[in-house]
Amino acid sequence: MNDQYPGNRQVFVAVGAVIGWLAVGLQLYLIILNRVMSIPLTIVQFFSFFTILTNILVALCFTFLWLRPQSDRGNFFASPQTSTAIAVYIVIVGLVYNLILRHLWAPQGLQRVVDEALHSVMPVYFALYWFIFVPKKKLAWANVPVWLLYPLGYIVYILIRGEFSGLYPYPFIDVSKLGYAQVMQNSVFLTFAFLVISLLFVGLGKVLSRNI
């Protein structure tokens, strides 16, 4: 972990952990409150969203960096490779929502606050954490294929689960409405987006590390 600003870093990750867990917890409360299925099925559906899984990953990262920075998990989340992978994932969450999904609904009240926290605040906040605090000299192009395993695994899981449940968390991977051909095309496009953003982070990391 970059020790150039240790005090500021601890405050930054503490704030990120609190905001992250509040956003995820409130979203769980709201989805249960407004459920159209049983509570168990609603909870299963809640944890099928890439947004939720990735925001939990961000919150876990900040929590271990805040409370257990010297532990094995703290060191794992502090590594440039792990931090950059998480940055890629949460930035994609923000980009996909704001470019593709935002126009599909208009949340109000508390739901709007939570929605912005999950899809806008946390992506920007974690990107800032990466930019300011993460050491970047050890980032390598070879890291990128490993980072793609999480989104690829997620797509496979959702398609298998959807085959049995008929439930898909996002319209662009809804086989029941689009068919497998279109969903596969969309999945390839998403994977390419992950690849491009990953390469951009590595490239930016190399440029920034040379300027330090």
Foldseek 3Di string as FASTA:
>chain_A
DFPPPVVVLLVLLVVLLVLLVVLLVVVLVVCCVPDPDDNVVSVVLSVLDLLNVLSVVSNVLSVCCNPPCPDPVNVVSQALLNLLLSLLSLLLLQCCCVPPNVVVDDDDDPVVVSVCSSRPVSSVSSVVCSVPGHQQQPQDLVSLVVSLPVLVVSLVVQVVVCVVVVDHNDPQQNCVPPNPVSNVVVSVVSSVSSSVSSVVSNVVSNVVNVVD
